[in-house]
Each structure stands twice: as C-alpha cells, then as structure tokens.
Amino acid sequence: MQYLNTPPQGSEASPAQLITGRQLRDAIPVDTSLYEVSERWAWLLRERERAMARSGDSAASRMTQTAHNLEPLTPGLRTRILNPGSGRWDRAGTVLETTAPRQYLVRLDGSGRTTIRNRRHLRPRVRSGARRRDSSDAWRHPAQPRKASTPQTGTTPPARLRVR
C-alpha cells in the first residue's frame, strides 16, 4: 500500500491518487484530509456520469426507433418456436393460454409437452397449404437441365489441342 501511496519523482500525485482521486489508507498515520476525494477528481467523475447519461439516452432513442410491439397470440393458434441455442425456428406448437403479459403456455407438436415461451420467441405459423401447393407445382414442372456451356473467350486453342 505504501508503494501505491508514494508519488514517483517529479510527480505530485501517487498512482493511487491518479486512479482514485485520494490517498489510500495504509499503516502510516496521515492527516484525514488526504483521504477525501479531491475536487478535480470529483468534477471529472461528475462529467463522466453526465456523458454516460447522454450516451445512454441516445442509445435508448436508437432502440425505440426500430422497436415495435408484437401482436398478442390467441389460444389455439399454431406457432413456430425459436430454439435459443441454434437461433432456428425448428419447433412448432399450439398456444394453450396466456400466463403473463407476453408470456404463453405452448403445447409442442410431436411430444405433446407444454412449455412457457416469451412472445418474442413465438411466431404465428404460415398456412402450410400454400407452401405445399408451391412445392407440388415445382414437382409437376421440373426445371429444364442446363446445357454445359463453353466459355466464349474469343481465343483459339493451341495447335496441339486443335482437332485435325
């Protein structure tokens, strides 16, 4: 502690005073006024707090510009469920009830287990009939296979590769 309280040669403040704005308490008795935070340090601390408050306000305003409320889900609605580990919408279920604001009890398809999920982890399921119809149309009208094309570079092949 004494090392931290000792100012280096040519300096008026010790490392402890530079970091904390006051002298650290140690075994050597000193005047109690040295333990008080200096005015300069208190002013710097207030300025930092004001700057952080201003940056926090601007961050909050940026967040509210893009934020939006999700529509509430009704019981019986089929939903997709976000897997927080993988970030994929790989489960499906049916909303059973609303347990709290933006919180839903959902019965999973397949296993029949019930789970509680927040509204941001649930999305209403798109009607699967439209998707099946699109995929069946693709089956009836398969894409034509592409012909292998040779690059059109405008150069002639070397003599050893020319067909005779």
N, C-alpha and C. Protein backbone atom coordinates (compact mmCIF):
# COMPACT_ATOMS: atom_id res chain seq x y z
N MET A 1 0.81 -1.19 0.00
CA MET A 1 0.00 0.00 0.00
C MET A 1 0.86 1.26 0.00
N GLN A 2 1.92 1.20 0.75
CA GLN A 2 2.78 2.38 0.83
C GLN A 2 3.36 2.71 -0.53
N TYR A 3 3.69 1.68 -1.32
CA TYR A 3 4.24 1.91 -2.66
C TYR A 3 3.22 2.64 -3.53
N LEU A 4 1.95 2.25 -3.45
CA LEU A 4 0.91 2.91 -4.24
C LEU A 4 0.66 4.34 -3.79
N ASN A 5 0.89 4.64 -2.50
CA ASN A 5 0.66 5.98 -1.98
C ASN A 5 1.85 6.92 -2.19
N THR A 6 3.00 6.38 -2.62
CA THR A 6 4.19 7.21 -2.79
C THR A 6 4.24 7.77 -4.20
N PRO A 7 4.28 9.09 -4.36
CA PRO A 7 4.37 9.65 -5.71
C PRO A 7 5.76 9.42 -6.30
N PRO A 8 5.83 9.14 -7.61
CA PRO A 8 7.14 8.98 -8.23
C PRO A 8 7.87 10.32 -8.28
N GLN A 9 9.18 10.27 -8.48
CA GLN A 9 9.97 11.50 -8.52
C GLN A 9 9.52 12.36 -9.70
N GLY A 10 9.38 13.65 -9.43
CA GLY A 10 8.96 14.57 -10.48
C GLY A 10 7.45 14.64 -10.66
N SER A 11 6.68 13.93 -9.83
CA SER A 11 5.23 13.95 -9.95
C SER A 11 4.64 14.36 -8.62
N GLU A 12 3.51 15.03 -8.65
CA GLU A 12 2.89 15.45 -7.40
C GLU A 12 1.82 14.48 -6.92
N ALA A 13 1.41 13.51 -7.77
CA ALA A 13 0.35 12.57 -7.38
C ALA A 13 0.88 11.14 -7.43
N SER A 14 0.45 10.35 -6.47
CA SER A 14 0.84 8.94 -6.44
C SER A 14 -0.06 8.15 -7.39
N PRO A 15 0.31 6.91 -7.71
CA PRO A 15 -0.57 6.09 -8.56
C PRO A 15 -1.97 5.93 -7.96
N ALA A 16 -2.07 5.80 -6.65
CA ALA A 16 -3.39 5.67 -6.02
C ALA A 16 -4.19 6.94 -6.20
N GLN A 17 -3.54 8.10 -6.08
CA GLN A 17 -4.26 9.36 -6.25
C GLN A 17 -4.68 9.56 -7.69
N LEU A 18 -3.89 9.07 -8.63
CA LEU A 18 -4.28 9.19 -10.04
C LEU A 18 -5.49 8.33 -10.36
N ILE A 19 -5.58 7.17 -9.73
CA ILE A 19 -6.68 6.25 -10.02
C ILE A 19 -7.94 6.59 -9.23
N THR A 20 -7.79 6.82 -7.93
CA THR A 20 -8.97 7.00 -7.08
C THR A 20 -9.26 8.44 -6.72
N GLY A 21 -8.31 9.35 -6.95
CA GLY A 21 -8.52 10.74 -6.61
C GLY A 21 -8.25 11.04 -5.15
N ARG A 22 -7.76 10.11 -4.41
CA ARG A 22 -7.42 10.31 -2.99
C ARG A 22 -6.31 9.35 -2.61
N GLN A 23 -5.75 9.55 -1.43
CA GLN A 23 -4.72 8.65 -0.94
C GLN A 23 -5.38 7.43 -0.29
N LEU A 24 -4.78 6.27 -0.50
CA LEU A 24 -5.33 5.06 0.10
C LEU A 24 -4.94 4.98 1.57
N ARG A 25 -5.79 4.35 2.36
CA ARG A 25 -5.47 4.18 3.79
C ARG A 25 -4.42 3.08 3.92
N ASP A 26 -3.42 3.36 4.72
CA ASP A 26 -2.39 2.36 4.99
C ASP A 26 -1.97 2.46 6.46
N ALA A 27 -0.86 1.83 6.82
CA ALA A 27 -0.45 1.76 8.23
C ALA A 27 0.17 3.06 8.73
N ILE A 28 0.62 3.93 7.84
CA ILE A 28 1.26 5.17 8.27
C ILE A 28 0.18 6.22 8.54
N PRO A 29 0.17 6.79 9.71
CA PRO A 29 -0.86 7.80 10.03
C PRO A 29 -0.60 9.10 9.27
N VAL A 30 -1.69 9.63 8.66
CA VAL A 30 -1.62 10.90 7.94
C VAL A 30 -2.85 11.72 8.31
N ASP A 31 -2.85 12.97 7.87
CA ASP A 31 -3.98 13.85 8.11
C ASP A 31 -5.21 13.30 7.37
N THR A 32 -6.38 13.33 7.99
CA THR A 32 -7.60 12.76 7.39
C THR A 32 -8.04 13.50 6.14
N SER A 33 -7.58 14.72 5.95
CA SER A 33 -7.97 15.45 4.74
C SER A 33 -7.41 14.80 3.48
N LEU A 34 -6.33 14.03 3.61
CA LEU A 34 -5.77 13.35 2.44
C LEU A 34 -6.66 12.21 1.96
N TYR A 35 -7.56 11.72 2.82
CA TYR A 35 -8.43 10.62 2.43
C TYR A 35 -9.67 11.10 1.68
N GLU A 36 -9.91 12.38 1.64
CA GLU A 36 -11.07 12.92 0.94
C GLU A 36 -10.78 13.00 -0.55
N VAL A 37 -11.80 12.83 -1.34
CA VAL A 37 -11.66 12.89 -2.79
C VAL A 37 -11.39 14.33 -3.19
N SER A 38 -10.40 14.52 -4.05
CA SER A 38 -10.04 15.87 -4.47
C SER A 38 -11.16 16.47 -5.33
N GLU A 39 -11.23 17.81 -5.35
CA GLU A 39 -12.26 18.50 -6.13
C GLU A 39 -12.12 18.20 -7.62
N ARG A 40 -10.90 18.16 -8.09
CA ARG A 40 -10.67 17.88 -9.52
C ARG A 40 -11.22 16.51 -9.89
N TRP A 41 -10.93 15.52 -9.03
CA TRP A 41 -11.39 14.16 -9.29
C TRP A 41 -12.92 14.08 -9.23
N ALA A 42 -13.53 14.76 -8.26
CA ALA A 42 -14.99 14.74 -8.14
C ALA A 42 -15.63 15.39 -9.38
N TRP A 43 -15.02 16.48 -9.87
CA TRP A 43 -15.53 17.13 -11.07
C TRP A 43 -15.45 16.20 -12.28
N LEU A 44 -14.29 15.50 -12.44
CA LEU A 44 -14.14 14.55 -13.55
C LEU A 44 -15.17 13.43 -13.47
N LEU A 45 -15.39 12.95 -12.24
CA LEU A 45 -16.36 11.87 -12.06
C LEU A 45 -17.77 12.33 -12.44
N ARG A 46 -18.17 13.54 -12.05
CA ARG A 46 -19.49 14.06 -12.41
C ARG A 46 -19.61 14.22 -13.93
N GLU A 47 -18.56 14.71 -14.57
CA GLU A 47 -18.58 14.88 -16.02
C GLU A 47 -18.71 13.53 -16.74
N ARG A 48 -18.02 12.52 -16.24
CA ARG A 48 -18.14 11.18 -16.83
C ARG A 48 -19.56 10.65 -16.70
N GLU A 49 -20.14 10.85 -15.52
CA GLU A 49 -21.51 10.38 -15.30
C GLU A 49 -22.49 11.09 -16.23
N ARG A 50 -22.30 12.40 -16.42
CA ARG A 50 -23.18 13.14 -17.34
C ARG A 50 -23.01 12.65 -18.77
N ALA A 51 -21.77 12.39 -19.18
CA ALA A 51 -21.54 11.91 -20.54
C ALA A 51 -22.16 10.53 -20.74
N MET A 52 -22.05 9.66 -19.74
CA MET A 52 -22.66 8.33 -19.85
C MET A 52 -24.18 8.43 -19.89
N ALA A 53 -24.75 9.38 -19.14
CA ALA A 53 -26.21 9.56 -19.17
C ALA A 53 -26.65 10.01 -20.55
N ARG A 54 -25.89 10.92 -21.16
CA ARG A 54 -26.24 11.38 -22.51
C ARG A 54 -26.12 10.26 -23.52
N SER A 55 -25.06 9.44 -23.42
CA SER A 55 -24.91 8.35 -24.39
C SER A 55 -25.99 7.29 -24.16
N GLY A 56 -26.40 7.08 -22.90
CA GLY A 56 -27.48 6.14 -22.62
C GLY A 56 -28.79 6.61 -23.21
N ASP A 57 -29.04 7.93 -23.16
CA ASP A 57 -30.26 8.48 -23.75
C ASP A 57 -30.27 8.28 -25.25
N SER A 58 -29.13 8.49 -25.89
CA SER A 58 -29.09 8.33 -27.34
C SER A 58 -29.24 6.87 -27.74
N ALA A 59 -28.68 5.96 -26.93
CA ALA A 59 -28.84 4.53 -27.23
C ALA A 59 -30.31 4.13 -27.08
N ALA A 60 -30.96 4.66 -26.06
CA ALA A 60 -32.38 4.34 -25.86
C ALA A 60 -33.22 4.88 -27.01
N SER A 61 -32.90 6.07 -27.49
CA SER A 61 -33.68 6.62 -28.60
C SER A 61 -33.46 5.83 -29.88
N ARG A 62 -32.25 5.34 -30.09
CA ARG A 62 -32.00 4.50 -31.28
C ARG A 62 -32.77 3.19 -31.19
N MET A 63 -32.85 2.63 -30.00
CA MET A 63 -33.59 1.37 -29.83
C MET A 63 -35.08 1.57 -30.07
N THR A 64 -35.64 2.67 -29.61
CA THR A 64 -37.08 2.87 -29.77
C THR A 64 -37.46 3.18 -31.21
N GLN A 65 -36.51 3.62 -32.03
CA GLN A 65 -36.83 3.87 -33.43
C GLN A 65 -37.13 2.58 -34.18
N THR A 66 -36.44 1.49 -33.83
CA THR A 66 -36.64 0.24 -34.56
C THR A 66 -37.51 -0.76 -33.79
N ALA A 67 -37.84 -0.45 -32.55
CA ALA A 67 -38.63 -1.39 -31.75
C ALA A 67 -40.10 -1.33 -32.17
N HIS A 68 -40.78 -2.45 -32.03
CA HIS A 68 -42.21 -2.49 -32.30
C HIS A 68 -42.85 -3.55 -31.42
N ASN A 69 -44.12 -3.37 -31.13
CA ASN A 69 -44.85 -4.32 -30.31
C ASN A 69 -45.34 -5.47 -31.17
N LEU A 70 -45.20 -6.69 -30.68
CA LEU A 70 -45.71 -7.86 -31.38
C LEU A 70 -47.18 -8.05 -31.01
N GLU A 71 -47.95 -8.48 -31.97
CA GLU A 71 -49.37 -8.71 -31.74
C GLU A 71 -49.55 -9.85 -30.74
N PRO A 72 -50.53 -9.76 -29.83
CA PRO A 72 -50.77 -10.86 -28.90
C PRO A 72 -51.28 -12.10 -29.64
N LEU A 73 -50.96 -13.26 -29.11
CA LEU A 73 -51.39 -14.53 -29.70
C LEU A 73 -52.64 -15.01 -28.98
N THR A 74 -53.50 -15.69 -29.71
CA THR A 74 -54.74 -16.20 -29.12
C THR A 74 -54.60 -17.69 -28.87
N PRO A 75 -55.28 -18.21 -27.85
CA PRO A 75 -55.23 -19.65 -27.60
C PRO A 75 -55.75 -20.43 -28.80
N GLY A 76 -55.09 -21.52 -29.11
CA GLY A 76 -55.45 -22.35 -30.26
C GLY A 76 -54.65 -22.02 -31.51
N LEU A 77 -53.90 -20.94 -31.49
CA LEU A 77 -53.11 -20.53 -32.66
C LEU A 77 -51.86 -21.40 -32.77
N ARG A 78 -51.58 -21.86 -33.99
CA ARG A 78 -50.38 -22.66 -34.22
C ARG A 78 -49.20 -21.73 -34.43
N THR A 79 -48.07 -22.03 -33.78
CA THR A 79 -46.91 -21.14 -33.81
C THR A 79 -45.63 -21.90 -34.12
N ARG A 80 -44.63 -21.16 -34.57
CA ARG A 80 -43.26 -21.65 -34.70
C ARG A 80 -42.53 -21.18 -33.45
N ILE A 81 -41.60 -22.00 -32.94
CA ILE A 81 -40.91 -21.69 -31.69
C ILE A 81 -39.42 -21.59 -31.97
N LEU A 82 -38.81 -20.50 -31.49
CA LEU A 82 -37.39 -20.26 -31.68
C LEU A 82 -36.58 -21.11 -30.71
N ASN A 83 -35.58 -21.81 -31.24
CA ASN A 83 -34.63 -22.53 -30.41
C ASN A 83 -33.52 -21.55 -30.06
N PRO A 84 -33.42 -21.10 -28.79
CA PRO A 84 -32.44 -20.08 -28.47
C PRO A 84 -30.99 -20.54 -28.66
N GLY A 85 -30.73 -21.82 -28.55
CA GLY A 85 -29.37 -22.32 -28.72
C GLY A 85 -28.87 -22.21 -30.15
N SER A 86 -29.71 -22.59 -31.10
CA SER A 86 -29.28 -22.58 -32.50
C SER A 86 -29.77 -21.34 -33.26
N GLY A 87 -30.76 -20.62 -32.72
CA GLY A 87 -31.31 -19.46 -33.41
C GLY A 87 -32.22 -19.84 -34.56
N ARG A 88 -32.68 -21.08 -34.60
CA ARG A 88 -33.55 -21.54 -35.69
C ARG A 88 -34.98 -21.71 -35.19
N TRP A 89 -35.91 -21.55 -36.08
CA TRP A 89 -37.33 -21.75 -35.78
C TRP A 89 -37.65 -23.21 -36.10
N ASP A 90 -37.15 -24.13 -35.29
CA ASP A 90 -37.21 -25.54 -35.65
C ASP A 90 -38.29 -26.32 -34.91
N ARG A 91 -39.11 -25.69 -34.10
CA ARG A 91 -40.18 -26.39 -33.40
C ARG A 91 -41.51 -25.72 -33.74
N ALA A 92 -42.58 -26.49 -33.53
CA ALA A 92 -43.92 -25.97 -33.76
C ALA A 92 -44.79 -26.37 -32.57
N GLY A 93 -45.84 -25.60 -32.35
CA GLY A 93 -46.73 -25.91 -31.25
C GLY A 93 -48.02 -25.13 -31.35
N THR A 94 -48.87 -25.32 -30.34
CA THR A 94 -50.16 -24.65 -30.28
C THR A 94 -50.24 -23.87 -28.97
N VAL A 95 -50.68 -22.63 -29.05
CA VAL A 95 -50.82 -21.80 -27.85
C VAL A 95 -51.99 -22.32 -27.04
N LEU A 96 -51.75 -22.60 -25.76
CA LEU A 96 -52.82 -23.06 -24.87
C LEU A 96 -53.44 -21.90 -24.10
N GLU A 97 -52.58 -21.03 -23.52
CA GLU A 97 -53.10 -19.90 -22.75
C GLU A 97 -52.01 -18.85 -22.57
N THR A 98 -52.45 -17.66 -22.16
CA THR A 98 -51.54 -16.58 -21.82
C THR A 98 -51.33 -16.62 -20.32
N THR A 99 -50.07 -16.80 -19.88
CA THR A 99 -49.81 -16.91 -18.44
C THR A 99 -49.43 -15.58 -17.81
N ALA A 100 -48.86 -14.67 -18.58
CA ALA A 100 -48.46 -13.34 -18.10
C ALA A 100 -48.40 -12.44 -19.34
N PRO A 101 -48.20 -11.15 -19.16
CA PRO A 101 -48.07 -10.32 -20.35
C PRO A 101 -46.92 -10.79 -21.23
N ARG A 102 -47.21 -11.06 -22.49
CA ARG A 102 -46.23 -11.52 -23.49
C ARG A 102 -45.63 -12.88 -23.16
N GLN A 103 -46.29 -13.67 -22.33
CA GLN A 103 -45.80 -15.00 -21.98
C GLN A 103 -46.91 -16.00 -22.24
N TYR A 104 -46.56 -17.11 -22.89
CA TYR A 104 -47.57 -18.06 -23.35
C TYR A 104 -47.20 -19.49 -22.97
N LEU A 105 -48.22 -20.27 -22.69
CA LEU A 105 -48.07 -21.71 -22.47
C LEU A 105 -48.34 -22.38 -23.81
N VAL A 106 -47.35 -23.13 -24.30
CA VAL A 106 -47.44 -23.71 -25.64
C VAL A 106 -47.27 -25.22 -25.54
N ARG A 107 -48.15 -25.97 -26.24
CA ARG A 107 -48.01 -27.43 -26.33
C ARG A 107 -47.24 -27.74 -27.60
N LEU A 108 -46.13 -28.45 -27.46
CA LEU A 108 -45.28 -28.78 -28.59
C LEU A 108 -45.89 -29.88 -29.43
N ASP A 109 -45.78 -29.75 -30.74
CA ASP A 109 -46.24 -30.81 -31.64
C ASP A 109 -45.28 -31.99 -31.52
N GLY A 110 -45.81 -33.17 -31.65
CA GLY A 110 -44.97 -34.36 -31.60
C GLY A 110 -44.92 -34.93 -30.20
N SER A 111 -44.23 -34.27 -29.28
CA SER A 111 -44.08 -34.81 -27.93
C SER A 111 -45.28 -34.49 -27.05
N GLY A 112 -45.99 -33.41 -27.32
CA GLY A 112 -47.14 -33.04 -26.51
C GLY A 112 -46.75 -32.34 -25.21
N ARG A 113 -45.46 -32.11 -24.98
CA ARG A 113 -45.03 -31.41 -23.77
C ARG A 113 -45.50 -29.96 -23.81
N THR A 114 -45.67 -29.37 -22.63
CA THR A 114 -46.02 -27.95 -22.58
C THR A 114 -44.80 -27.17 -22.12
N THR A 115 -44.66 -25.98 -22.65
CA THR A 115 -43.53 -25.12 -22.31
C THR A 115 -44.00 -23.68 -22.27
N ILE A 116 -43.33 -22.87 -21.49
CA ILE A 116 -43.66 -21.45 -21.41
C ILE A 116 -42.65 -20.70 -22.25
N ARG A 117 -43.15 -19.85 -23.13
CA ARG A 117 -42.28 -19.07 -24.01
C ARG A 117 -42.70 -17.61 -24.00
N ASN A 118 -41.74 -16.73 -24.17
CA ASN A 118 -41.98 -15.31 -24.31
C ASN A 118 -42.48 -15.04 -25.72
N ARG A 119 -43.21 -13.95 -25.90
CA ARG A 119 -43.80 -13.64 -27.21
C ARG A 119 -42.75 -13.48 -28.29
N ARG A 120 -41.57 -12.96 -27.96
CA ARG A 120 -40.56 -12.76 -29.00
C ARG A 120 -39.97 -14.07 -29.50
N HIS A 121 -40.20 -15.19 -28.78
CA HIS A 121 -39.73 -16.49 -29.24
C HIS A 121 -40.82 -17.28 -29.96
N LEU A 122 -41.96 -16.65 -30.21
CA LEU A 122 -43.07 -17.31 -30.89
C LEU A 122 -43.47 -16.50 -32.13
N ARG A 123 -43.73 -17.19 -33.22
CA ARG A 123 -44.22 -16.55 -34.44
C ARG A 123 -45.42 -17.33 -34.93
N PRO A 124 -46.48 -16.63 -35.36
CA PRO A 124 -47.63 -17.35 -35.93
C PRO A 124 -47.16 -18.16 -37.13
N ARG A 125 -47.70 -19.35 -37.24
CA ARG A 125 -47.28 -20.25 -38.31
C ARG A 125 -47.98 -19.89 -39.61
N VAL A 126 -47.24 -19.88 -40.71
CA VAL A 126 -47.80 -19.61 -42.03
C VAL A 126 -48.59 -20.84 -42.45
N ARG A 127 -49.72 -20.62 -43.12
CA ARG A 127 -50.52 -21.77 -43.56
C ARG A 127 -49.67 -22.68 -44.40
N SER A 128 -49.62 -23.95 -44.04
CA SER A 128 -48.76 -24.89 -44.75
C SER A 128 -49.35 -25.30 -46.09
N GLY A 129 -50.65 -25.08 -46.31
CA GLY A 129 -51.27 -25.46 -47.59
C GLY A 129 -50.67 -24.69 -48.74
N ALA A 130 -50.38 -23.41 -48.55
CA ALA A 130 -49.79 -22.60 -49.62
C ALA A 130 -48.40 -23.10 -49.95
N ARG A 131 -47.65 -23.51 -48.95
CA ARG A 131 -46.30 -23.99 -49.19
C ARG A 131 -46.34 -25.32 -49.96
N ARG A 132 -47.27 -26.21 -49.58
CA ARG A 132 -47.35 -27.50 -50.28
C ARG A 132 -47.74 -27.31 -51.74
N ARG A 133 -48.66 -26.36 -51.98
CA ARG A 133 -49.09 -26.13 -53.35
C ARG A 133 -47.91 -25.66 -54.20
N ASP A 134 -47.07 -24.77 -53.66
CA ASP A 134 -45.91 -24.29 -54.40
C ASP A 134 -44.94 -25.43 -54.69
N SER A 135 -44.71 -26.29 -53.71
CA SER A 135 -43.74 -27.37 -53.92
C SER A 135 -44.30 -28.41 -54.89
N SER A 136 -45.64 -28.63 -54.87
CA SER A 136 -46.20 -29.62 -55.81
C SER A 136 -46.15 -29.09 -57.24
N ASP A 137 -46.31 -27.76 -57.43
CA ASP A 137 -46.18 -27.18 -58.76
C ASP A 137 -44.77 -27.38 -59.28
N ALA A 138 -43.80 -27.25 -58.42
CA ALA A 138 -42.41 -27.44 -58.84
C ALA A 138 -42.19 -28.90 -59.23
N TRP A 139 -42.87 -29.81 -58.58
CA TRP A 139 -42.72 -31.22 -58.91
C TRP A 139 -43.31 -31.52 -60.28
N ARG A 140 -44.46 -30.89 -60.59
CA ARG A 140 -45.09 -31.15 -61.88
C ARG A 140 -44.33 -30.52 -63.04
N HIS A 141 -43.69 -29.42 -62.80
CA HIS A 141 -42.96 -28.72 -63.85
C HIS A 141 -41.49 -28.61 -63.46
N PRO A 142 -40.75 -29.70 -63.61
CA PRO A 142 -39.36 -29.64 -63.19
C PRO A 142 -38.57 -28.67 -64.07
N ALA A 143 -37.55 -28.11 -63.49
CA ALA A 143 -36.71 -27.17 -64.23
C ALA A 143 -35.93 -27.93 -65.29
N GLN A 144 -35.77 -27.30 -66.44
CA GLN A 144 -35.02 -27.91 -67.53
C GLN A 144 -33.54 -27.96 -67.16
N PRO A 145 -32.89 -29.09 -67.42
CA PRO A 145 -31.46 -29.14 -67.09
C PRO A 145 -30.69 -28.19 -68.00
N ARG A 146 -29.69 -27.55 -67.46
CA ARG A 146 -28.90 -26.62 -68.24
C ARG A 146 -27.86 -27.36 -69.06
N LYS A 147 -27.61 -26.83 -70.21
CA LYS A 147 -26.57 -27.39 -71.06
C LYS A 147 -25.23 -26.86 -70.59
N ALA A 148 -24.23 -27.70 -70.65
CA ALA A 148 -22.89 -27.27 -70.29
C ALA A 148 -22.39 -26.32 -71.37
N SER A 149 -21.99 -25.15 -70.97
CA SER A 149 -21.54 -24.18 -71.96
C SER A 149 -20.03 -24.01 -71.85
N THR A 150 -19.44 -23.75 -72.99
CA THR A 150 -18.01 -23.48 -73.00
C THR A 150 -17.81 -21.98 -72.92
N PRO A 151 -16.79 -21.54 -72.26
CA PRO A 151 -16.59 -20.10 -72.16
C PRO A 151 -16.29 -19.49 -73.52
N GLN A 152 -16.87 -18.35 -73.76
CA GLN A 152 -16.68 -17.64 -75.03
C GLN A 152 -15.59 -16.60 -74.84
N THR A 153 -14.36 -17.01 -74.97
CA THR A 153 -13.25 -16.09 -74.72
C THR A 153 -12.74 -15.42 -75.98
N GLY A 154 -13.03 -15.97 -77.16
CA GLY A 154 -12.57 -15.37 -78.41
C GLY A 154 -11.13 -15.73 -78.75
N THR A 155 -10.56 -16.66 -78.06
CA THR A 155 -9.19 -17.08 -78.37
C THR A 155 -9.23 -18.45 -79.03
N THR A 156 -8.23 -18.75 -79.78
CA THR A 156 -8.14 -20.08 -80.43
C THR A 156 -7.30 -20.98 -79.57
N PRO A 157 -7.64 -22.27 -79.55
CA PRO A 157 -6.84 -23.20 -78.75
C PRO A 157 -5.45 -23.37 -79.35
N PRO A 158 -4.49 -23.81 -78.57
CA PRO A 158 -3.15 -24.04 -79.11
C PRO A 158 -3.18 -25.13 -80.17
N ALA A 159 -2.18 -25.13 -81.00
CA ALA A 159 -2.13 -26.07 -82.13
C ALA A 159 -2.16 -27.52 -81.66
N ARG A 160 -1.55 -27.83 -80.56
CA ARG A 160 -1.51 -29.23 -80.10
C ARG A 160 -2.89 -29.72 -79.66
N LEU A 161 -3.83 -28.79 -79.37
CA LEU A 161 -5.16 -29.20 -78.94
C LEU A 161 -6.22 -29.10 -80.03
N ARG A 162 -5.86 -28.62 -81.21
CA ARG A 162 -6.83 -28.47 -82.28
C ARG A 162 -7.21 -29.82 -82.85
N VAL A 163 -8.48 -29.96 -83.20
CA VAL A 163 -8.97 -31.18 -83.79
C VAL A 163 -8.54 -31.20 -85.25
N ARG A 164 -7.98 -32.33 -85.72
CA ARG A 164 -7.50 -32.42 -87.12
C ARG A 164 -8.44 -33.13 -87.99
